[in-house]
Amino acid sequence: MSNDTLSATFQAVSDPTRRTILARLAQGEATVQELAEPLPISQPAVSKHLKVLERAGLIERRREAQRRWCRLQAKPLREVAIWATEFQRYWDESFERLDSLLEAEKARSRDDKRP
């Protein structure tokens, strides 16, 4: 995944409204009207959010008569997940060090309480 694609994906999911739209589309296709209905913003604002998602490759839009449909394209999200797993070893090691530190502190606390 190129840095530009990764940056576009992160930028697209940085907004809570866009994350809400993606969560809804994870349940299946929806019309623009269905996506806009529960949101506390105008239809033109929803359209702007959809354009950002589309540019990032996170959604696909199509027209069917008078309706405009949106569908999730999750590949960029999968690529973000793959990128993030590169840090898994770091977090595992950090948590292991923290566990060791906490165990040592518990042992020291027990030793301090002994008569």
C-alpha atoms as a PDB file:
ATOM      1  CA  MET A   1       0.000   0.000   0.000  1.00  0.00           C
ATOM      2  CA  SER A   2       1.465   3.360  -0.947  1.00  0.00           C
ATOM      3  CA  ASN A   3       1.802   6.085   1.672  1.00  0.00           C
ATOM      4  CA  ASP A   4      -0.585   8.274  -0.334  1.00  0.00           C
ATOM      5  CA  THR A   5      -3.254   5.571  -0.253  1.00  0.00           C
ATOM      6  CA  LEU A   6      -2.661   4.933   3.426  1.00  0.00           C
ATOM      7  CA  SER A   7      -2.829   8.669   4.159  1.00  0.00           C
ATOM      8  CA  ALA A   8      -6.058   9.030   2.174  1.00  0.00           C
ATOM      9  CA  THR A   9      -7.611   6.133   4.081  1.00  0.00           C
ATOM     10  CA  PHE A  10      -6.607   7.520   7.466  1.00  0.00           C
ATOM     11  CA  GLN A  11      -7.833  10.981   6.483  1.00  0.00           C
ATOM     12  CA  ALA A  12     -11.154   9.534   5.346  1.00  0.00           C
ATOM     13  CA  VAL A  13     -11.764   7.575   8.558  1.00  0.00           C
ATOM     14  CA  SER A  14     -10.609  10.425  10.798  1.00  0.00           C
ATOM     15  CA  ASP A  15     -14.083  11.958  10.758  1.00  0.00           C
ATOM     16  CA  PRO A  16     -16.811  10.447  12.998  1.00  0.00           C
ATOM     17  CA  THR A  17     -19.519  11.065  10.396  1.00  0.00           C
ATOM     18  CA  ARG A  18     -17.567   9.119   7.793  1.00  0.00           C
ATOM     19  CA  ARG A  19     -16.954   6.308  10.274  1.00  0.00           C
ATOM     20  CA  THR A  20     -20.717   6.206  10.932  1.00  0.00           C
ATOM     21  CA  ILE A  21     -21.367   5.974   7.194  1.00  0.00           C
ATOM     22  CA  LEU A  22     -18.822   3.157   6.833  1.00  0.00           C
ATOM     23  CA  ALA A  23     -20.348   1.285   9.775  1.00  0.00           C
ATOM     24  CA  ARG A  24     -23.765   1.510   8.132  1.00  0.00           C
ATOM     25  CA  LEU A  25     -22.388   0.334   4.785  1.00  0.00           C
ATOM     26  CA  ALA A  26     -20.728  -2.619   6.503  1.00  0.00           C
ATOM     27  CA  GLN A  27     -24.293  -3.888   6.980  1.00  0.00           C
ATOM     28  CA  GLY A  28     -24.982  -3.679   3.246  1.00  0.00           C
ATOM     29  CA  GLU A  29     -25.659  -1.297   0.387  1.00  0.00           C
ATOM     30  CA  ALA A  30     -27.651   1.837   1.109  1.00  0.00           C
ATOM     31  CA  THR A  31     -28.982   4.789  -0.789  1.00  0.00           C
ATOM     32  CA  VAL A  32     -27.584   8.235  -0.124  1.00  0.00           C
ATOM     33  CA  GLN A  33     -30.955   9.137   1.399  1.00  0.00           C
ATOM     34  CA  GLU A  34     -30.784   6.149   3.778  1.00  0.00           C
ATOM     35  CA  LEU A  35     -27.278   7.167   4.808  1.00  0.00           C
ATOM     36  CA  ALA A  36     -28.282  10.785   5.367  1.00  0.00           C
ATOM     37  CA  GLU A  37     -31.480  10.076   7.289  1.00  0.00           C
ATOM     38  CA  PRO A  38     -30.032   9.408  10.774  1.00  0.00           C
ATOM     39  CA  LEU A  39     -27.257  12.002  10.491  1.00  0.00           C
ATOM     40  CA  PRO A  40     -27.667  15.483  11.995  1.00  0.00           C
ATOM     41  CA  ILE A  41     -26.253  17.164   8.873  1.00  0.00           C
ATOM     42  CA  SER A  42     -27.626  18.308   5.523  1.00  0.00           C
ATOM     43  CA  GLN A  43     -27.788  16.150   2.414  1.00  0.00           C
ATOM     44  CA  PRO A  44     -25.086  18.279   0.684  1.00  0.00           C
ATOM     45  CA  ALA A  45     -22.808  17.731   3.693  1.00  0.00           C
ATOM     46  CA  VAL A  46     -23.396  13.971   3.464  1.00  0.00           C
ATOM     47  CA  SER A  47     -22.525  14.126  -0.245  1.00  0.00           C
ATOM     48  CA  LYS A  48     -19.222  15.822   0.601  1.00  0.00           C
ATOM     49  CA  HIS A  49     -18.404  13.064   3.086  1.00  0.00           C
ATOM     50  CA  LEU A  50     -19.273  10.449   0.475  1.00  0.00           C
ATOM     51  CA  LYS A  51     -16.897  12.095  -2.015  1.00  0.00           C
ATOM     52  CA  VAL A  52     -14.055  11.862   0.502  1.00  0.00           C
ATOM     53  CA  LEU A  53     -14.834   8.182   1.097  1.00  0.00           C
ATOM     54  CA  GLU A  54     -15.049   7.528  -2.626  1.00  0.00           C
ATOM     55  CA  ARG A  55     -11.715   9.271  -3.351  1.00  0.00           C
ATOM     56  CA  ALA A  56     -10.106   7.116  -0.665  1.00  0.00           C
ATOM     57  CA  GLY A  57     -11.493   4.008  -2.358  1.00  0.00           C
ATOM     58  CA  LEU A  58     -13.628   3.110   0.657  1.00  0.00           C
ATOM     59  CA  ILE A  59     -16.975   3.232  -1.113  1.00  0.00           C
ATOM     60  CA  GLU A  60     -18.340   2.683  -4.570  1.00  0.00           C
ATOM     61  CA  ARG A  61     -21.310   4.683  -5.818  1.00  0.00           C
ATOM     62  CA  ARG A  62     -23.764   3.870  -8.600  1.00  0.00           C
ATOM     63  CA  ARG A  63     -26.993   5.286  -9.971  1.00  0.00           C
ATOM     64  CA  GLU A  64     -30.127   3.292 -10.463  1.00  0.00           C
ATOM     65  CA  ALA A  65     -32.945   5.427 -11.878  1.00  0.00           C
ATOM     66  CA  GLN A  66     -33.424   8.242  -9.341  1.00  0.00           C
ATOM     67  CA  ARG A  67     -31.548   6.506  -6.540  1.00  0.00           C
ATOM     68  CA  ARG A  68     -27.854   6.764  -5.793  1.00  0.00           C
ATOM     69  CA  TRP A  69     -26.500   3.671  -4.079  1.00  0.00           C
ATOM     70  CA  CYS A  70     -23.341   3.277  -2.023  1.00  0.00           C
ATOM     71  CA  ARG A  71     -21.421   0.118  -1.259  1.00  0.00           C
ATOM     72  CA  LEU A  72     -18.481  -0.444   1.074  1.00  0.00           C
ATOM     73  CA  GLN A  73     -15.133  -1.260  -0.515  1.00  0.00           C
ATOM     74  CA  ALA A  74     -13.194  -2.595   2.452  1.00  0.00           C
ATOM     75  CA  LYS A  75      -9.842  -3.324   0.798  1.00  0.00           C
ATOM     76  CA  PRO A  76      -8.228  -0.047   1.987  1.00  0.00           C
ATOM     77  CA  LEU A  77      -9.366  -0.825   5.551  1.00  0.00           C
ATOM     78  CA  ARG A  78      -7.828  -4.289   5.315  1.00  0.00           C
ATOM     79  CA  GLU A  79      -4.581  -2.715   4.177  1.00  0.00           C
ATOM     80  CA  VAL A  80      -4.663  -0.359   7.177  1.00  0.00           C
ATOM     81  CA  ALA A  81      -5.186  -3.390   9.428  1.00  0.00           C
ATOM     82  CA  ILE A  82      -2.192  -5.129   7.844  1.00  0.00           C
ATOM     83  CA  TRP A  83      -0.102  -1.991   8.340  1.00  0.00           C
ATOM     84  CA  ALA A  84      -1.200  -1.757  11.983  1.00  0.00           C
ATOM     85  CA  THR A  85      -0.283  -5.391  12.704  1.00  0.00           C
ATOM     86  CA  GLU A  86       3.344  -4.453  12.061  1.00  0.00           C
ATOM     87  CA  PHE A  87       3.182  -2.798  15.471  1.00  0.00           C
ATOM     88  CA  GLN A  88       1.738  -5.862  17.208  1.00  0.00           C
ATOM     89  CA  ARG A  89       5.152  -7.100  18.361  1.00  0.00           C
ATOM     90  CA  TYR A  90       5.916  -3.684  19.842  1.00  0.00           C
ATOM     91  CA  TRP A  91       2.669  -3.672  21.812  1.00  0.00           C
ATOM     92  CA  ASP A  92       3.085  -7.287  22.930  1.00  0.00           C
ATOM     93  CA  GLU A  93       6.582  -6.565  24.210  1.00  0.00           C
ATOM     94  CA  SER A  94       5.430  -3.361  25.903  1.00  0.00           C
ATOM     95  CA  PHE A  95       2.609  -5.174  27.695  1.00  0.00           C
ATOM     96  CA  GLU A  96       4.969  -7.974  28.746  1.00  0.00           C
ATOM     97  CA  ARG A  97       7.338  -5.399  30.262  1.00  0.00           C
ATOM     98  CA  LEU A  98       4.406  -3.722  32.012  1.00  0.00           C
ATOM     99  CA  ASP A  99       3.209  -7.094  33.380  1.00  0.00           C
ATOM    100  CA  SER A 100       6.706  -7.797  34.719  1.00  0.00           C
ATOM    101  CA  LEU A 101       6.881  -4.372  36.330  1.00  0.00           C
ATOM    102  CA  LEU A 102       3.462  -4.809  37.960  1.00  0.00           C
ATOM    103  CA  GLU A 103       4.358  -8.277  39.263  1.00  0.00           C
ATOM    104  CA  ALA A 104       7.591  -6.929  40.738  1.00  0.00           C
ATOM    105  CA  GLU A 105       5.671  -4.067  42.375  1.00  0.00           C
ATOM    106  CA  LYS A 106       3.100  -6.496  43.838  1.00  0.00           C
ATOM    107  CA  ALA A 107       5.890  -8.667  45.233  1.00  0.00           C
ATOM    108  CA  ARG A 108       7.602  -5.622  46.751  1.00  0.00           C
ATOM    109  CA  SER A 109       4.285  -4.485  48.276  1.00  0.00           C
ATOM    110  CA  ARG A 110       3.724  -7.945  49.816  1.00  0.00           C
ATOM    111  CA  ASP A 111       7.278  -7.936  51.213  1.00  0.00           C
ATOM    112  CA  ASP A 112       6.724  -4.490  52.771  1.00  0.00           C
ATOM    113  CA  LYS A 113       3.566  -5.691  54.557  1.00  0.00           C
ATOM    114  CA  ARG A 114       5.296  -8.712  56.162  1.00  0.00           C
ATOM    115  CA  PRO A 115       6.275  -8.310  59.827  1.00  0.00           C
END
